[in-house]
């Protein structure tokens, strides 16, 4: 095969695989090791990881980095932890740009460009394929995240997974016990979070998780989560409600709320006797003592 045809074959392969390709594909296309080295020295190709390349004109993306990491690590490697959390669309995840892998067995590849976790055994039920990538399933992903996230971030991730029906509380508990029980890093933290959300509808966004945690740490009576009310023919749900006194707390994040729709909602609730206190991210992170005093006053006056 001529150089031109080989390059076209590789370009076609890379286009279907997030812009990257492994060393073996370059050889399979008909290039010699000398020709591969020439492309790397000239800058036509760029080494993403050992024996994984991209065309210099191809932009670097998270998807490309994840796929390259799997090819670099070889067999028994799966994408995991925060890398997979972003693929599943979980909330509360902050990544440093490096892909994360879990490698089963006694292999120990290392690179400063990849975060590698190791396990003696990865059960088939813990992994699946998505877009031709091998990655951990949502249940295993949440269990893994418990070892690397703080409790609030873990609760945000769990609540988003529950909301999207990617996991169930019972399945998580069963899998957690079978993966090591109380000796597993993060297991106690995950149990604490599971106990806190058990039997409750999942939070709809991160601000709601933060407010729920603040309320749990207060001395206030426990609110009803996602309390449904019907007013003037419309159905509303209140994030946190004390129905016996018609007081509610609304997690008011700009990203998820519509100005006019919210004003109509609050007007309807007010006309029917409800007192709704909106709480923004700034309120929850910087003004919570003030919000708590206002809420306590509202509950006391309503009672």
Protein backbone atom coordinates (compact mmCIF):
# COMPACT_ATOMS: atom_id res chain seq x y z
CA UNK A 1 0.00 0.00 0.00
CA UNK A 2 1.34 3.49 -0.87
CA UNK A 3 1.96 6.11 1.80
CA UNK A 4 -1.02 8.11 0.55
CA UNK A 5 -3.42 5.20 0.75
CA UNK A 6 -2.08 4.21 4.18
CA UNK A 7 -2.55 7.74 5.49
CA UNK A 8 -6.11 7.83 4.11
CA UNK A 9 -6.88 4.51 5.80
CA UNK A 10 -5.54 5.77 9.12
CA UNK A 11 -7.39 9.09 8.78
CA UNK A 12 -10.65 7.22 8.18
CA UNK A 13 -10.04 5.03 11.22
CA UNK A 14 -9.18 8.03 13.41
CA UNK A 15 -12.30 9.92 12.28
CA UNK A 16 -14.42 7.06 13.61
CA UNK A 17 -12.48 6.88 16.89
CA UNK A 18 -12.41 10.43 18.31
CA UNK A 19 -9.42 11.43 16.19
CA UNK A 20 -6.87 8.98 17.63
CA UNK A 21 -5.41 5.66 16.52
CA UNK A 22 -3.10 3.01 18.04
CA UNK A 23 0.29 1.94 16.76
CA UNK A 24 -1.05 -1.39 15.56
CA UNK A 25 -3.50 0.34 13.19
CA UNK A 26 -0.66 2.26 11.57
CA UNK A 27 1.15 -1.02 10.99
CA UNK A 28 -2.03 -2.69 9.73
CA UNK A 29 -2.48 0.15 7.22
CA UNK A 30 0.88 -0.78 5.69
CA UNK A 31 3.31 1.68 7.26
CA UNK A 32 6.70 0.55 8.49
CA UNK A 33 8.18 1.52 11.83
CA UNK A 34 10.53 3.89 9.99
CA UNK A 35 7.61 5.62 8.28
CA UNK A 36 5.77 5.96 11.60
CA UNK A 37 8.87 7.47 13.25
CA UNK A 38 9.25 9.90 10.32
CA UNK A 39 5.71 11.20 10.77
CA UNK A 40 6.29 11.67 14.49
CA UNK A 41 9.64 13.48 14.01
CA UNK A 42 8.21 15.76 11.32
CA UNK A 43 5.26 16.73 13.51
CA UNK A 44 2.66 15.30 11.13
CA UNK A 45 1.55 13.01 13.94
CA UNK A 46 1.54 13.69 17.68
CA UNK A 47 2.02 11.04 20.35
CA UNK A 48 -0.98 11.20 22.72
CA UNK A 49 0.27 8.34 24.90
CA UNK A 50 2.88 5.65 24.23
CA UNK A 51 1.87 3.85 21.01
CA UNK A 52 -1.24 5.98 20.53
CA UNK A 53 -1.25 8.92 18.11
CA UNK A 54 -3.30 11.66 16.49
CA UNK A 55 -2.86 13.82 13.43
CA UNK A 56 -1.31 17.16 14.43
CA UNK A 57 -4.28 19.01 12.93
CA UNK A 58 -6.76 17.06 15.07
CA UNK A 59 -7.83 18.91 18.25
CA UNK A 60 -7.37 17.23 21.61
CA UNK A 61 -10.70 16.34 23.24
CA UNK A 62 -11.71 14.55 26.44
CA UNK A 63 -13.20 11.76 24.33
CA UNK A 64 -9.89 11.33 22.47
CA UNK A 65 -7.94 11.23 25.72
CA UNK A 66 -10.24 8.59 27.18
CA UNK A 67 -10.00 6.35 24.12
CA UNK A 68 -6.24 6.79 23.92
CA UNK A 69 -5.89 5.83 27.59
CA UNK A 70 -7.78 2.58 27.02
CA UNK A 71 -5.57 1.64 24.06
CA UNK A 72 -2.45 2.57 26.02
CA UNK A 73 -3.46 0.45 29.04
CA UNK A 74 -4.41 -2.58 26.99
CA UNK A 75 -6.46 -5.53 28.19
CA UNK A 76 -8.34 -5.64 31.51
CA UNK A 77 -8.64 -1.83 31.58
CA UNK A 78 -11.94 0.03 31.82
CA UNK A 79 -12.78 3.70 32.07
CA UNK A 80 -13.93 4.46 35.60
CA UNK A 81 -14.45 7.00 38.37
CA UNK A 82 -14.78 10.66 37.26
CA UNK A 83 -14.15 9.90 33.59
CA UNK A 84 -17.20 7.64 33.49
CA UNK A 85 -19.26 9.93 35.72
CA UNK A 86 -19.08 12.60 33.01
CA UNK A 87 -20.12 10.06 30.36
CA UNK A 88 -23.16 9.06 32.43
CA UNK A 89 -23.94 12.75 32.98
CA UNK A 90 -23.66 12.74 36.77
CA UNK A 91 -23.71 16.01 38.73
CA UNK A 92 -21.01 17.31 41.04
CA UNK A 93 -18.01 15.98 39.10
CA UNK A 94 -14.84 18.03 38.66
CA UNK A 95 -12.06 16.51 36.53
CA UNK A 96 -8.47 17.64 36.10
CA UNK A 97 -8.48 16.63 32.43
CA UNK A 98 -6.78 13.26 32.90
CA UNK A 99 -8.74 10.11 32.03
CA UNK A 100 -9.26 7.62 34.85
CA UNK A 101 -8.99 3.87 34.41
CA UNK A 102 -9.40 0.80 36.56
CA UNK A 103 -7.12 -2.09 35.66
CA UNK A 104 -7.81 -5.59 36.89
CA UNK A 105 -5.02 -8.03 37.69
CA UNK A 106 -1.34 -7.51 38.39
CA UNK A 107 -0.45 -5.17 35.48
CA UNK A 108 0.92 -1.77 36.56
CA UNK A 109 1.14 0.68 33.62
CA UNK A 110 1.95 4.23 34.70
CA UNK A 111 1.66 7.63 33.07
CA UNK A 112 1.38 11.14 34.51
CA UNK A 113 -1.32 11.74 31.88
CA UNK A 114 -3.63 9.01 33.23
CA UNK A 115 -5.06 8.29 36.68
CA UNK A 116 -4.85 4.52 37.19
CA UNK A 117 -6.81 2.60 39.85
CA UNK A 118 -6.17 -1.07 40.41
CA UNK A 119 -8.37 -3.94 41.46
CA UNK A 120 -7.76 -7.65 41.79
CA UNK A 121 -10.94 -8.51 39.91
CA UNK A 122 -13.57 -6.65 37.89
CA UNK A 123 -16.80 -8.63 37.55
CA UNK A 124 -18.52 -8.67 34.14
CA UNK A 125 -21.63 -7.16 35.76
CA UNK A 126 -19.61 -4.06 36.69
CA UNK A 127 -18.66 -3.12 33.12
CA UNK A 128 -20.34 -2.46 29.79
CA UNK A 129 -19.60 -1.03 26.35
CA UNK A 130 -20.78 2.38 25.22
CA UNK A 131 -19.66 3.97 21.93
CA UNK A 132 -17.19 1.09 21.66
CA UNK A 133 -15.58 2.06 24.98
CA UNK A 134 -15.33 -0.31 27.92
CA UNK A 135 -16.47 1.46 31.09
CA UNK A 136 -17.95 0.82 34.51
CA UNK A 137 -21.72 0.65 34.87
CA UNK A 138 -23.47 3.38 36.90
CA UNK A 139 -23.76 1.28 40.08
CA UNK A 140 -20.04 0.46 40.12
CA UNK A 141 -19.24 4.06 39.15
CA UNK A 142 -21.05 5.46 42.20
CA UNK A 143 -19.27 2.96 44.46
CA UNK A 144 -15.90 3.96 42.98
CA UNK A 145 -16.69 7.68 43.29
CA UNK A 146 -17.27 7.23 47.03
CA UNK A 147 -13.52 6.74 47.41
CA UNK A 148 -12.51 9.95 45.58
CA UNK A 149 -15.27 12.53 46.23
CA UNK A 150 -16.30 14.43 49.31
CA UNK A 151 -19.71 13.62 50.77
CA UNK A 152 -21.60 16.50 49.15
CA UNK A 153 -20.21 15.82 45.68
CA UNK A 154 -20.98 12.12 46.14
CA UNK A 155 -24.57 12.91 47.11
CA UNK A 156 -24.95 15.14 44.04
CA UNK A 157 -23.65 12.35 41.80
CA UNK A 158 -25.89 9.77 43.45
CA UNK A 159 -28.99 11.97 43.26
CA UNK A 160 -28.48 12.60 39.55
CA UNK A 161 -28.02 8.87 38.96
CA UNK A 162 -31.24 8.16 40.90
CA UNK A 163 -33.07 10.89 39.00
CA UNK A 164 -32.03 9.41 35.63
CA UNK A 165 -32.90 5.92 36.93
CA UNK A 166 -29.38 4.67 36.34
CA UNK A 167 -29.19 3.13 39.81
CA UNK A 168 -31.44 1.96 42.62
CA UNK A 169 -30.73 2.22 46.33
CA UNK A 170 -31.17 -1.51 46.89
CA UNK A 171 -28.88 -2.48 44.04
CA UNK A 172 -26.21 -0.08 45.28
CA UNK A 173 -26.30 -1.50 48.79
CA UNK A 174 -26.08 -5.08 47.58
CA UNK A 175 -23.20 -4.38 45.21
CA UNK A 176 -21.35 -2.34 47.82
CA UNK A 177 -21.45 -5.22 50.30
CA UNK A 178 -20.25 -7.74 47.74
CA UNK A 179 -17.33 -5.50 46.72
CA UNK A 180 -15.72 -5.41 50.13
CA UNK A 181 -18.18 -4.24 52.72
CA UNK A 182 -16.85 -2.10 55.52
CA UNK A 183 -13.22 -2.44 54.53
CA UNK A 184 -13.67 -0.65 51.21
CA UNK A 185 -12.48 2.96 50.94
CA UNK A 186 -15.50 5.24 50.76
CA UNK A 187 -17.98 2.54 51.79
CA UNK A 188 -18.94 4.23 55.05
CA UNK A 189 -19.43 7.56 53.31
CA UNK A 190 -21.65 5.99 50.65
CA UNK A 191 -23.75 4.24 53.29
CA UNK A 192 -24.24 7.58 55.07
CA UNK A 193 -25.44 9.21 51.86
CA UNK A 194 -27.70 6.27 51.00
CA UNK A 195 -29.27 6.44 54.45
CA UNK A 196 -29.89 10.18 54.01
CA UNK A 197 -31.71 9.83 50.67
CA UNK A 198 -33.46 6.48 51.29
CA UNK A 199 -37.19 6.57 50.62
CA UNK A 200 -37.10 10.12 49.26
CA UNK A 201 -37.52 11.36 45.68
CA UNK A 202 -34.17 12.33 44.11
CA UNK A 203 -33.02 15.94 44.11
CA UNK A 204 -33.36 17.66 40.75
CA UNK A 205 -30.13 19.68 40.81
CA UNK A 206 -27.03 20.40 42.86
CA UNK A 207 -28.47 23.41 44.70
CA UNK A 208 -31.27 21.21 46.00
CA UNK A 209 -28.68 18.74 47.32
CA UNK A 210 -26.79 21.50 49.10
CA UNK A 211 -29.97 22.90 50.70
CA UNK A 212 -31.10 19.41 51.74
CA UNK A 213 -27.78 18.82 53.48
CA UNK A 214 -27.99 22.19 55.26
CA UNK A 215 -31.52 21.45 56.45
CA UNK A 216 -30.49 18.01 57.71
CA UNK A 217 -27.77 19.61 59.82
CA UNK A 218 -30.21 22.10 61.36
CA UNK A 219 -32.61 21.60 64.24
CA UNK A 220 -35.68 22.28 62.10
CA UNK A 221 -38.43 19.70 61.61
CA UNK A 222 -37.78 17.50 58.59
CA UNK A 223 -39.49 18.87 55.47
CA UNK A 224 -41.42 16.94 52.86
CA UNK A 225 -39.35 16.70 49.67
CA UNK A 226 -40.94 17.40 46.27
CA UNK A 227 -44.32 18.06 47.84
CA UNK A 228 -47.11 18.18 45.18
CA UNK A 229 -49.83 20.84 45.29
CA UNK A 230 -52.59 21.70 42.83
CA UNK A 231 -53.70 25.34 42.56
CA UNK A 232 -55.94 27.01 39.95
CA UNK A 233 -55.81 23.89 37.82
CA UNK A 234 -52.00 23.75 37.83
CA UNK A 235 -49.80 21.20 39.52
CA UNK A 236 -46.66 22.36 41.32
CA UNK A 237 -43.94 20.61 43.29
CA UNK A 238 -42.30 22.28 46.26
CA UNK A 239 -38.64 21.41 46.85
CA UNK A 240 -38.94 21.49 50.65
CA UNK A 241 -42.32 21.90 52.31
CA UNK A 242 -43.85 21.97 55.76
CA UNK A 243 -47.46 21.34 54.60
CA UNK A 244 -49.08 21.59 58.03
CA UNK A 245 -48.15 25.31 58.15
CA UNK A 246 -48.02 26.00 54.36
CA UNK A 247 -44.37 27.09 54.37
CA UNK A 248 -41.92 26.03 51.67
CA UNK A 249 -38.29 26.56 50.67
CA UNK A 250 -37.53 26.74 46.94
CA UNK A 251 -34.04 26.07 45.57
CA UNK A 252 -33.91 28.93 43.08
CA UNK A 253 -31.10 28.27 40.60
CA UNK A 254 -30.96 30.45 37.48
CA UNK A 255 -29.86 27.56 35.30
CA UNK A 256 -33.06 25.57 35.82
CA UNK A 257 -35.68 28.26 36.42
CA UNK A 258 -37.76 30.49 34.17
CA UNK A 259 -38.38 34.02 35.53
CA UNK A 260 -42.00 34.44 34.39
CA UNK A 261 -43.04 30.88 35.13
CA UNK A 262 -41.62 31.11 38.66
CA UNK A 263 -43.43 34.39 39.34
CA UNK A 264 -46.72 32.86 38.23
CA UNK A 265 -46.01 29.86 40.44
CA UNK A 266 -45.22 31.98 43.51
CA UNK A 267 -48.29 34.18 42.89
CA UNK A 268 -50.56 31.12 42.74
CA UNK A 269 -48.98 29.64 45.86
CA UNK A 270 -49.26 32.93 47.74
CA UNK A 271 -52.90 33.34 46.76
CA UNK A 272 -53.67 29.91 48.20
CA UNK A 273 -51.95 30.60 51.52
CA UNK A 274 -48.45 29.24 50.91
CA UNK A 275 -45.40 31.20 52.00
CA UNK A 276 -42.45 30.31 49.74
CA UNK A 277 -38.88 31.38 50.57
CA UNK A 278 -36.53 31.22 47.55
CA UNK A 279 -32.91 30.21 48.17
CA UNK A 280 -30.17 30.91 45.63
CA UNK A 281 -26.69 29.36 45.42
CA UNK A 282 -25.28 32.51 47.07
CA UNK A 283 -27.84 32.21 49.86
CA UNK A 284 -26.90 28.58 50.49
CA UNK A 285 -23.15 29.13 50.39
CA UNK A 286 -22.75 32.59 51.95
CA UNK A 287 -25.96 33.57 53.73
CA UNK A 288 -27.30 30.35 55.19
CA UNK A 289 -27.48 31.54 58.85
CA UNK A 290 -29.69 34.42 57.68
CA UNK A 291 -31.87 32.12 55.56
CA UNK A 292 -32.20 29.72 58.47
CA UNK A 293 -33.36 32.51 60.81
CA UNK A 294 -35.90 33.68 58.22
CA UNK A 295 -37.18 30.14 57.75
CA UNK A 296 -37.46 29.62 61.51
CA UNK A 297 -39.43 32.86 61.78
CA UNK A 298 -41.74 31.84 58.93
CA UNK A 299 -42.45 28.47 60.55
CA UNK A 300 -43.03 30.04 63.95
CA UNK A 301 -45.42 32.73 62.68
CA UNK A 302 -47.35 30.22 60.56
CA UNK A 303 -47.73 27.89 63.52
